[in-house]
Amino acid sequence: MSCSVIRRRQEASILSPLIISVSGLRGVVGESLTPEVAMRYAAAFARQLPAGAILIGRDGRVSGPMLAAALTAALTALGRDVIDAGVVATPTLGVLVRARGAAGGIEISASHNPPQYNGLKLFSAEGRVLTAAAGQKVLDRYKHLTAASERPAIDWASYERLGTSSLATDTTGEHIEAVLRLVDVAAIRQRRFRVLLDANHGAGSIAGAPLLEELGCHTILLGGHADGRFAHTPEPTAENLASIVGQVPALDAQVGFCTDPDADRLAIIDENGRYVGEEYTLALCVDHVLRRRPGPIVTNCSTSRMAEDLAKKYGVPFYRSAVGEANVVDAMLAHGATLGGEGNGGVIDPRVVLIRDSVVAMALVLDAMSARALPIGHLADDLPRYEICKTKVTLPAERIADALAALEKHFVGAACDRLDGVRFDWPGKWLLVRASNTEPIVRAIAEAPTAAEAQALCNRAVTALSAG
């Protein structure tokens, strides 16, 4: 290999560093994320697991089969049995891990990142994302395997102790059946809803399309072939769905469902082609569930206060967690939550699986439309209305603590907590400022009754951070 090729690869690695945390990792395939990285990470993960098989799933990206092969080779070489579930949604893999009594699972996905990225998300035997403590053990072991100048040997198995590899059958049945038990299937079937499902060539159609068929929907499927060749930028935001929104009314659909590549998030388009968005996905589900099953609600501290308002409306406890799916799940378990989730379109129903689940969200939204005999646009308009503004500031890590302290002095009079970064609350509005775990930046998120008020809060935060 020439020096110029080596240099280009080194430069590429610097430009696209491996993003690694206690919940998993992601990077650019062939640069920061290589088969060797995946195999060492799998070895670190396997060491923390009890005896039993490990399930592997993927979201349909072009690099998925290669990484699945690398993981399978590493895990079987460590003496672990592997069950390959193929292309499945992240929540489906969680259901499978628990239903098959596996020791754990790995979903190969880079979530909403562009196609050159991929990643690994780790699951415990409970079918949930690893807790922070468990994830830290994996991360520490991985760093030990990679940081030494002479890398320590991995304890590969001898030939007679090698693990086996097999293919999973009926990967979606248990997930779909669990979701159908949440809703009035007969009533939804009578409505014969026309639904546009944009899977964008990710895993969203694998369980999503069969679910809609079971619910008697006429489904218009876009990007149903899970080959990872995204028709639009994969994160389901208003900007990225500009080519989709108009198709809902044009095709006479009553609702549009849009999933991210691994289908743990759901964005909604109403019957008039309005992007209802991701924040409203959780609020719509909270409102519907609390009408029938009052109980505690949990969201993270960067999620719209719509869920908090709804909890107050129905007289149930409301709790916030730190940002991160694992933190939400921990709080849900601690408080016996009826429902929880995040404002990125991630709904978590513990009756199905302790993972954000677009399949659950689709079913609950259709159940709400059926039960109230109202279009999705009307249901969204009935919810409390807020506007969110998000911005970020580049800030060296050594300055972050002083900058957050300066914010507390700047926003005197607001209710303040340090659950995650620093959050300020006023009647009807709030501001959260927290440091990124992977970049030298601080993010500011504000919510208020109007976009102008939310923007003003973000502007004040930026000014204070820059001065601090």
Protein backbone atom coordinates (compact mmCIF):
# COMPACT_ATOMS: atom_id res chain seq x y z
CA MET A 1 0.00 0.00 0.00
CA SER A 2 1.39 3.41 -0.95
CA CYS A 3 2.21 6.11 1.59
CA SER A 4 -0.39 8.40 -0.03
CA VAL A 5 -3.16 5.83 0.44
CA ILE A 6 -2.20 5.31 4.07
CA ARG A 7 -2.11 9.07 4.61
CA ARG A 8 -5.56 9.53 3.04
CA ARG A 9 -6.99 6.84 5.31
CA GLN A 10 -5.40 8.44 8.37
CA GLU A 11 -6.82 11.82 7.39
CA ALA A 12 -10.25 10.29 6.80
CA SER A 13 -10.17 8.72 10.25
CA ILE A 14 -9.44 12.11 11.79
CA LEU A 15 -12.32 13.70 9.87
CA SER A 16 -14.78 10.96 10.85
CA PRO A 17 -13.87 9.77 14.35
CA LEU A 18 -15.56 6.79 15.93
CA ILE A 19 -18.53 7.98 18.01
CA ILE A 20 -18.60 5.69 21.01
CA SER A 21 -20.61 5.75 24.24
CA VAL A 22 -22.04 3.41 26.86
CA SER A 23 -24.95 2.53 24.55
CA GLY A 24 -22.98 1.63 21.43
CA LEU A 25 -20.83 3.04 18.69
CA ARG A 26 -21.08 4.39 15.18
CA GLY A 27 -18.69 5.60 12.51
CA VAL A 28 -17.97 5.80 8.81
CA VAL A 29 -17.54 2.33 7.34
CA GLY A 30 -14.00 1.69 6.10
CA GLU A 31 -12.67 4.68 8.02
CA SER A 32 -13.42 4.83 11.74
CA LEU A 33 -15.67 1.74 11.66
CA THR A 34 -13.86 -1.31 10.33
CA PRO A 35 -14.45 -5.07 10.71
CA GLU A 36 -11.64 -5.15 13.28
CA VAL A 37 -13.29 -2.43 15.37
CA ALA A 38 -16.63 -4.26 15.22
CA MET A 39 -15.05 -7.58 16.20
CA ARG A 40 -13.16 -6.13 19.19
CA TYR A 41 -16.28 -4.32 20.36
CA ALA A 42 -18.27 -7.56 20.09
CA ALA A 43 -15.55 -9.33 22.09
CA ALA A 44 -15.79 -6.69 24.80
CA PHE A 45 -19.58 -7.04 24.85
CA ALA A 46 -19.61 -10.84 24.93
CA ARG A 47 -17.34 -10.87 27.97
CA GLN A 48 -20.02 -9.04 30.00
CA LEU A 49 -22.89 -11.37 29.05
CA PRO A 50 -24.20 -14.48 30.79
CA ALA A 51 -24.25 -17.82 28.97
CA GLY A 52 -26.56 -18.04 25.98
CA ALA A 53 -26.94 -17.13 22.34
CA ILE A 54 -26.52 -13.59 20.99
CA LEU A 55 -28.98 -12.22 18.44
CA ILE A 56 -27.81 -10.00 15.58
CA GLY A 57 -30.08 -7.74 13.51
CA ARG A 58 -29.50 -4.91 11.06
CA ASP A 59 -31.34 -1.97 9.53
CA GLY A 60 -30.79 -2.64 5.80
CA ARG A 61 -27.71 -0.51 5.11
CA VAL A 62 -25.37 -1.71 2.38
CA SER A 63 -22.63 -2.35 4.95
CA GLY A 64 -24.92 -4.36 7.23
CA PRO A 65 -24.21 -7.86 5.85
CA MET A 66 -20.46 -7.26 6.04
CA LEU A 67 -20.63 -6.16 9.66
CA ALA A 68 -23.01 -9.00 10.53
CA ALA A 69 -20.50 -11.46 9.08
CA ALA A 70 -17.68 -9.87 11.10
CA LEU A 71 -19.70 -10.00 14.32
CA THR A 72 -20.73 -13.59 13.69
CA ALA A 73 -17.13 -14.62 13.06
CA ALA A 74 -15.93 -12.91 16.23
CA LEU A 75 -18.68 -14.20 18.48
CA THR A 76 -18.57 -17.81 17.27
CA ALA A 77 -14.76 -17.67 17.56
CA LEU A 78 -15.31 -16.72 21.21
CA GLY A 79 -17.49 -19.80 21.67
CA ARG A 80 -20.83 -17.94 21.56
CA ASP A 81 -23.83 -19.15 19.56
CA VAL A 82 -25.21 -16.54 17.19
CA ILE A 83 -28.76 -16.18 15.84
CA ASP A 84 -28.96 -13.95 12.77
CA ALA A 85 -32.32 -12.14 12.54
CA GLY A 86 -31.44 -10.39 9.28
CA VAL A 87 -33.08 -7.02 8.62
CA VAL A 88 -35.28 -6.13 11.59
CA ALA A 89 -36.32 -2.96 13.37
CA THR A 90 -34.45 -2.18 16.57
CA PRO A 91 -37.54 -2.78 18.76
CA THR A 92 -38.18 -6.09 16.99
CA LEU A 93 -34.70 -7.26 17.92
CA GLY A 94 -35.44 -6.35 21.53
CA VAL A 95 -38.60 -8.45 21.45
CA LEU A 96 -36.68 -11.36 19.91
CA VAL A 97 -33.89 -11.22 22.51
CA ARG A 98 -36.41 -11.55 25.33
CA ALA A 99 -38.70 -14.04 23.58
CA ARG A 100 -35.85 -16.37 22.57
CA GLY A 101 -34.16 -16.23 25.96
CA ALA A 102 -30.94 -14.87 24.43
CA ALA A 103 -28.05 -13.55 26.49
CA GLY A 104 -28.11 -10.28 24.56
CA GLY A 105 -28.34 -8.72 21.14
CA ILE A 106 -26.61 -6.37 18.72
CA GLU A 107 -28.50 -4.19 16.25
CA ILE A 108 -26.30 -3.02 13.37
CA SER A 109 -27.55 0.48 12.66
CA ALA A 110 -26.41 4.08 12.51
CA SER A 111 -29.93 5.29 13.22
CA HIS A 112 -30.59 8.53 11.28
CA ASN A 113 -27.01 9.02 10.03
CA PRO A 114 -26.19 9.07 6.28
CA PRO A 115 -25.51 5.81 4.38
CA GLN A 116 -21.73 5.89 4.77
CA TYR A 117 -22.23 5.42 8.52
CA ASN A 118 -23.08 2.31 10.45
CA GLY A 119 -22.98 1.34 14.08
CA LEU A 120 -23.68 -1.19 16.80
CA LYS A 121 -26.38 -0.89 19.47
CA LEU A 122 -26.20 -3.30 22.40
CA PHE A 123 -29.07 -5.06 24.18
CA SER A 124 -29.24 -6.92 27.47
CA ALA A 125 -31.11 -10.18 28.04
CA GLU A 126 -34.13 -8.07 29.08
CA GLY A 127 -34.39 -6.86 25.48
CA ARG A 128 -33.47 -3.27 26.30
CA VAL A 129 -30.54 -0.96 25.60
CA LEU A 130 -27.77 -1.55 28.13
CA THR A 131 -27.88 0.45 31.33
CA ALA A 132 -25.16 3.06 31.75
CA ALA A 133 -23.31 0.85 34.24
CA ALA A 134 -23.36 -2.21 31.99
CA GLY A 135 -22.44 -0.14 28.95
CA GLN A 136 -19.50 1.40 30.79
CA LYS A 137 -18.07 -2.06 31.47
CA VAL A 138 -18.22 -2.85 27.75
CA LEU A 139 -16.65 0.50 26.89
CA ASP A 140 -13.85 0.04 29.43
CA ARG A 141 -13.09 -3.44 28.11
CA TYR A 142 -13.12 -2.21 24.50
CA LYS A 143 -10.70 0.59 25.36
CA HIS A 144 -8.45 -1.94 27.09
CA LEU A 145 -8.45 -4.11 23.96
CA THR A 146 -7.56 -1.20 21.68
CA ALA A 147 -5.47 1.28 23.68
CA ALA A 148 -2.45 -0.85 24.55
CA SER A 149 0.64 -0.43 22.41
CA GLU A 150 0.72 -4.19 22.21
CA ARG A 151 -2.90 -5.15 22.07
CA PRO A 152 -3.84 -7.83 24.60
CA ALA A 153 -4.86 -11.15 23.11
CA ILE A 154 -8.55 -11.96 22.90
CA ASP A 155 -9.44 -15.31 24.44
CA TRP A 156 -10.44 -17.03 21.22
CA ALA A 157 -11.99 -20.49 21.59
CA SER A 158 -10.29 -23.69 20.42
CA TYR A 159 -11.90 -25.58 17.55
CA GLU A 160 -13.97 -27.87 19.77
CA ARG A 161 -15.47 -24.91 21.70
CA LEU A 162 -16.49 -22.76 18.72
CA GLY A 163 -20.01 -21.38 18.73
CA THR A 164 -22.66 -22.04 16.11
CA SER A 165 -24.50 -19.73 13.75
CA SER A 166 -28.15 -20.05 12.72
CA LEU A 167 -30.86 -17.98 11.06
CA ALA A 168 -33.91 -16.78 12.99
CA THR A 169 -37.33 -17.70 11.65
CA ASP A 170 -40.51 -15.60 11.88
CA THR A 171 -38.68 -12.57 13.18
CA THR A 172 -41.73 -10.25 13.33
CA GLY A 173 -44.56 -12.47 14.61
CA GLU A 174 -44.03 -12.00 18.34
CA HIS A 175 -43.56 -8.25 17.98
CA ILE A 176 -46.70 -7.73 15.89
CA GLU A 177 -48.82 -9.95 18.15
CA ALA A 178 -47.71 -7.99 21.22
CA VAL A 179 -48.59 -4.68 19.55
CA LEU A 180 -52.01 -5.90 18.37
CA ARG A 181 -52.91 -6.72 21.98
CA LEU A 182 -52.68 -3.01 22.80
CA VAL A 183 -55.45 -1.83 20.47
CA ASP A 184 -59.02 -2.50 19.34
CA VAL A 185 -58.14 -4.40 16.19
CA ALA A 186 -61.75 -4.95 15.07
CA ALA A 187 -62.63 -1.26 15.34
CA ILE A 188 -59.53 -0.20 13.41
CA ARG A 189 -60.22 -2.76 10.69
CA GLN A 190 -63.70 -1.35 10.21
CA ARG A 191 -62.26 2.06 9.39
CA ARG A 192 -60.12 0.74 6.48
CA PHE A 193 -57.61 3.56 6.91
CA ARG A 194 -55.50 4.59 3.93
CA VAL A 195 -51.97 4.90 5.30
CA LEU A 196 -48.80 6.08 3.60
CA LEU A 197 -45.77 4.36 5.13
CA ASP A 198 -42.39 5.81 4.18
CA ALA A 199 -39.76 3.29 5.27
CA ASN A 200 -37.12 5.04 3.12
CA HIS A 201 -35.39 1.72 2.34
CA GLY A 202 -34.72 1.04 6.02
CA ALA A 203 -36.20 -1.57 8.36
CA GLY A 204 -39.51 0.24 8.91
CA SER A 205 -41.49 -1.90 6.48
CA ILE A 206 -40.39 -5.27 7.90
CA ALA A 207 -42.80 -5.18 10.84
CA GLY A 208 -44.65 -1.97 9.93
CA ALA A 209 -46.24 -3.20 6.71
CA PRO A 210 -47.49 -6.53 8.18
CA LEU A 211 -48.89 -4.66 11.19
CA LEU A 212 -50.86 -2.30 8.96
CA GLU A 213 -52.14 -5.27 6.97
CA GLU A 214 -53.32 -6.95 10.19
CA LEU A 215 -55.14 -3.72 11.06
CA GLY A 216 -57.00 -3.77 7.74
CA CYS A 217 -55.28 -0.68 6.35
CA HIS A 218 -54.80 0.08 2.69
CA THR A 219 -51.06 0.77 2.77
CA ILE A 220 -49.16 2.90 0.29
CA LEU A 221 -45.57 1.81 0.86
CA LEU A 222 -42.62 4.00 -0.09
CA GLY A 223 -39.05 2.67 0.12
CA GLY A 224 -40.21 -0.77 1.18
CA HIS A 225 -37.13 -2.61 -0.08
CA ALA A 226 -34.71 -2.54 2.85
CA ASP A 227 -31.48 -2.04 0.90
CA GLY A 228 -30.27 1.12 2.67
CA ARG A 229 -30.35 3.19 -0.52
CA PHE A 230 -32.20 6.07 1.11
CA ALA A 231 -34.46 8.10 -1.18
CA HIS A 232 -34.02 11.14 1.09
CA THR A 233 -31.85 12.10 4.06
CA PRO A 234 -32.82 9.47 6.64
CA GLU A 235 -33.67 11.51 9.73
CA PRO A 236 -37.47 12.05 9.57
CA THR A 237 -37.49 15.84 10.00
CA ALA A 238 -39.71 18.34 8.19
CA GLU A 239 -36.88 19.39 5.88
CA ASN A 240 -35.98 15.81 4.94
CA LEU A 241 -39.60 14.81 4.34
CA ALA A 242 -40.34 17.70 1.96
CA SER A 243 -40.76 15.24 -0.92
CA ILE A 244 -43.15 13.06 1.11
CA VAL A 245 -45.62 15.45 2.78
CA GLY A 246 -47.51 16.34 -0.39
CA GLN A 247 -48.00 12.69 -1.30
CA VAL A 248 -50.29 12.06 1.67
CA PRO A 249 -53.20 14.22 0.44
CA ALA A 250 -52.34 13.55 -3.21
CA LEU A 251 -52.82 9.82 -2.62
CA ASP A 252 -55.89 10.42 -0.45
CA ALA A 253 -54.17 8.90 2.58
CA GLN A 254 -55.55 9.68 6.03
CA VAL A 255 -52.16 9.65 7.71
CA GLY A 256 -48.51 9.41 6.78
CA PHE A 257 -46.06 7.42 8.91
CA CYS A 258 -42.32 8.00 8.37
CA THR A 259 -39.67 5.91 10.09
CA ASP A 260 -35.94 6.31 10.52
CA PRO A 261 -33.69 3.49 9.19
CA ASP A 262 -33.91 1.22 12.26
CA ALA A 263 -37.58 2.10 12.87
CA ASP A 264 -37.39 3.09 16.52
CA ARG A 265 -38.63 6.61 15.69
CA LEU A 266 -41.84 7.75 13.99
CA ALA A 267 -42.75 11.09 12.43
CA ILE A 268 -46.33 11.82 11.37
CA ILE A 269 -47.89 13.69 8.42
CA ASP A 270 -51.57 14.59 8.64
CA GLU A 271 -54.29 14.17 6.04
CA ASN A 272 -53.68 17.67 4.66
CA GLY A 273 -49.96 17.13 4.09
CA ARG A 274 -48.88 18.95 7.24
CA TYR A 275 -45.75 17.67 8.96
CA VAL A 276 -47.06 17.02 12.45
CA GLY A 277 -43.60 15.94 13.46
CA GLU A 278 -41.78 13.76 15.94
CA GLU A 279 -42.51 15.63 19.17
CA TYR A 280 -46.24 15.08 18.61
CA THR A 281 -45.83 11.33 18.14
CA LEU A 282 -45.21 10.74 21.83
CA ALA A 283 -47.82 13.30 22.92
CA LEU A 284 -50.52 11.72 20.74
CA CYS A 285 -49.75 8.31 22.23
CA VAL A 286 -49.64 9.64 25.80
CA ASP A 287 -53.03 11.31 25.36
CA HIS A 288 -54.60 8.17 23.92
CA VAL A 289 -53.17 5.75 26.49
CA LEU A 290 -54.04 7.95 29.48
CA ARG A 291 -57.68 8.14 28.37
CA ARG A 292 -57.85 4.38 29.02
CA ARG A 293 -54.98 3.44 31.34
CA PRO A 294 -54.01 6.25 33.72
CA GLY A 295 -50.52 5.83 35.13
CA PRO A 296 -47.11 7.50 35.46
CA ILE A 297 -45.46 9.04 32.40
CA VAL A 298 -41.71 9.44 31.82
CA THR A 299 -39.87 11.52 29.21
CA ASN A 300 -36.35 12.83 29.03
CA CYS A 301 -35.54 16.41 29.96
CA SER A 302 -35.23 17.57 26.33
CA THR A 303 -38.74 16.42 25.31
CA SER A 304 -41.68 18.77 24.81
CA ARG A 305 -43.70 19.61 27.91
CA MET A 306 -46.84 18.41 26.09
CA ALA A 307 -46.49 15.06 27.90
CA GLU A 308 -46.16 16.84 31.25
CA ASP A 309 -49.29 18.91 30.54
CA LEU A 310 -51.20 15.76 29.57
CA ALA A 311 -50.10 13.97 32.74
CA LYS A 312 -51.43 16.92 34.76
CA LYS A 313 -54.68 16.87 32.77
CA TYR A 314 -55.29 13.21 33.56
CA GLY A 315 -54.06 13.48 37.15
CA VAL A 316 -51.11 11.11 36.90
CA PRO A 317 -47.47 11.46 38.03
CA PHE A 318 -44.92 12.80 35.56
CA TYR A 319 -41.16 12.18 35.74
CA ARG A 320 -38.15 13.40 33.75
CA SER A 321 -34.95 11.49 33.09
CA ALA A 322 -31.58 12.50 31.73
CA VAL A 323 -31.24 12.41 27.94
CA GLY A 324 -30.73 8.92 26.54
CA GLU A 325 -33.03 5.97 25.92
CA ALA A 326 -31.44 3.89 28.69
CA ASN A 327 -32.09 6.69 31.18
CA VAL A 328 -35.74 6.91 30.16
CA VAL A 329 -36.14 3.15 30.59
CA ASP A 330 -34.44 3.23 34.01
CA ALA A 331 -36.90 5.92 35.16
CA MET A 332 -39.86 4.03 33.70
CA LEU A 333 -38.92 0.91 35.65
CA ALA A 334 -38.29 2.89 38.83
CA HIS A 335 -41.70 4.59 38.70
CA GLY A 336 -43.81 1.83 37.12
CA ALA A 337 -44.59 4.00 34.10
CA THR A 338 -47.55 3.31 31.85
CA LEU A 339 -45.77 4.91 28.91
CA GLY A 340 -42.55 6.76 28.23
CA GLY A 341 -40.33 8.00 25.47
CA GLU A 342 -38.42 10.79 23.84
CA GLY A 343 -39.41 13.73 21.68
CA ASN A 344 -37.56 12.35 18.65
CA GLY A 345 -40.59 10.19 17.81
CA GLY A 346 -39.61 7.41 20.21
CA VAL A 347 -42.52 5.82 22.09
CA ILE A 348 -41.78 3.16 24.71
CA ASP A 349 -44.64 0.90 25.85
CA PRO A 350 -43.43 -1.55 28.52
CA ARG A 351 -46.19 -4.00 27.61
CA VAL A 352 -44.30 -4.70 24.36
CA VAL A 353 -40.61 -3.93 24.80
CA LEU A 354 -38.45 -1.43 26.68
CA ILE A 355 -37.20 0.18 23.47
CA ARG A 356 -38.44 3.10 21.38
CA ASP A 357 -40.88 1.54 18.95
CA SER A 358 -42.39 3.00 15.76
CA VAL A 359 -44.63 -0.06 15.40
CA VAL A 360 -46.25 0.61 18.78
CA ALA A 361 -46.61 4.28 17.86
CA MET A 362 -48.37 3.52 14.56
CA ALA A 363 -50.84 1.18 16.24
CA LEU A 364 -51.66 3.60 19.07
CA VAL A 365 -52.17 6.52 16.68
CA LEU A 366 -54.55 4.48 14.49
CA ASP A 367 -56.36 3.31 17.63
CA ALA A 368 -56.81 6.94 18.69
CA MET A 369 -58.13 7.93 15.26
CA SER A 370 -60.56 5.03 15.36
CA ALA A 371 -61.73 5.49 18.97
CA ARG A 372 -62.43 9.22 18.60
CA ALA A 373 -63.51 9.08 14.96
CA LEU A 374 -61.34 12.11 14.23
CA PRO A 375 -58.62 12.76 11.63
CA ILE A 376 -55.03 12.84 12.81
CA GLY A 377 -54.78 16.58 12.14
CA HIS A 378 -57.64 17.24 14.57
CA LEU A 379 -56.07 15.01 17.23
CA ALA A 380 -52.80 16.92 16.92
CA ASP A 381 -54.55 20.28 17.14
CA ASP A 382 -56.25 19.21 20.38
CA LEU A 383 -52.88 18.89 22.11
CA PRO A 384 -51.12 21.70 24.00
CA ARG A 385 -49.22 23.82 21.49
CA TYR A 386 -45.56 24.80 21.89
CA GLU A 387 -42.64 25.71 19.66
CA ILE A 388 -39.12 24.36 20.07
CA CYS A 389 -35.84 26.02 19.10
CA LYS A 390 -32.48 24.22 19.05
CA THR A 391 -28.99 25.64 18.63
CA LYS A 392 -25.40 24.83 19.58
CA VAL A 393 -22.21 26.59 20.60
CA THR A 394 -18.66 25.38 20.09
CA LEU A 395 -17.03 25.27 23.50
CA PRO A 396 -13.85 23.52 24.70
CA ALA A 397 -14.48 20.85 27.33
CA GLU A 398 -12.43 22.70 29.96
CA ARG A 399 -14.77 25.72 29.72
CA ILE A 400 -18.09 23.91 29.98
CA ALA A 401 -18.38 23.76 33.79
CA ASP A 402 -17.74 27.51 34.17
CA ALA A 403 -20.11 28.30 31.30
CA LEU A 404 -22.98 26.33 32.86
CA ALA A 405 -22.34 28.02 36.21
CA ALA A 406 -22.51 31.40 34.44
CA LEU A 407 -25.90 30.42 33.01
CA GLU A 408 -27.29 29.84 36.49
CA LYS A 409 -26.33 33.39 37.43
CA HIS A 410 -27.76 34.72 34.18
CA PHE A 411 -31.20 33.10 34.54
CA VAL A 412 -31.86 34.03 38.16
CA GLY A 413 -35.49 33.48 39.11
CA ALA A 414 -36.08 30.35 37.02
CA ALA A 415 -36.51 26.93 38.55
CA CYS A 416 -33.18 25.20 37.91
CA ASP A 417 -32.06 21.59 37.99
CA ARG A 418 -28.84 19.77 37.10
CA LEU A 419 -30.29 16.39 36.12
CA ASP A 420 -28.52 16.62 32.75
CA GLY A 421 -26.56 19.75 31.98
CA VAL A 422 -28.65 22.60 33.37
CA ARG A 423 -32.38 23.15 32.81
CA PHE A 424 -34.39 26.30 33.56
CA ASP A 425 -38.18 26.28 33.89
CA TRP A 426 -40.65 29.14 33.83
CA PRO A 427 -44.45 28.92 33.55
CA GLY A 428 -45.15 27.58 30.05
CA LYS A 429 -41.53 27.53 28.84
CA TRP A 430 -38.12 25.97 29.53
CA LEU A 431 -34.49 25.96 28.43
CA LEU A 432 -32.04 23.04 28.55
CA VAL A 433 -28.30 23.49 28.01
CA ARG A 434 -26.11 20.39 27.99
CA ALA A 435 -22.72 19.39 26.66
CA SER A 436 -22.41 16.85 23.87
CA ASN A 437 -20.89 13.50 24.86
CA THR A 438 -19.02 13.19 21.56
CA GLU A 439 -18.23 16.71 20.30
CA PRO A 440 -16.74 19.93 21.79
CA ILE A 441 -20.12 21.66 21.67
CA VAL A 442 -22.92 22.67 24.01
CA ARG A 443 -26.52 22.29 22.83
CA ALA A 444 -29.31 24.64 23.84
CA ILE A 445 -32.95 23.59 23.49
CA ALA A 446 -35.82 25.91 24.37
CA GLU A 447 -39.58 25.51 24.25
CA ALA A 448 -42.20 28.22 24.59
CA PRO A 449 -45.73 29.05 23.38
CA THR A 450 -44.30 30.90 20.35
CA ALA A 451 -41.28 30.37 18.12
CA ALA A 452 -40.09 33.91 18.86
CA GLU A 453 -40.03 33.27 22.63
CA ALA A 454 -38.17 29.97 22.17
CA GLN A 455 -35.63 31.64 19.86
CA ALA A 456 -35.14 34.45 22.36
CA LEU A 457 -34.31 31.93 25.11
CA CYS A 458 -31.77 30.20 22.87
CA ASN A 459 -30.22 33.54 21.94
CA ARG A 460 -29.84 34.50 25.58
CA ALA A 461 -28.21 31.14 26.31
CA VAL A 462 -25.74 31.55 23.45
CA THR A 463 -24.82 35.05 24.64
CA ALA A 464 -24.29 33.87 28.22
CA LEU A 465 -22.27 30.83 27.13
CA SER A 466 -20.03 32.92 24.91
CA ALA A 467 -19.44 35.42 27.70
CA GLY A 468 -18.83 32.67 30.26
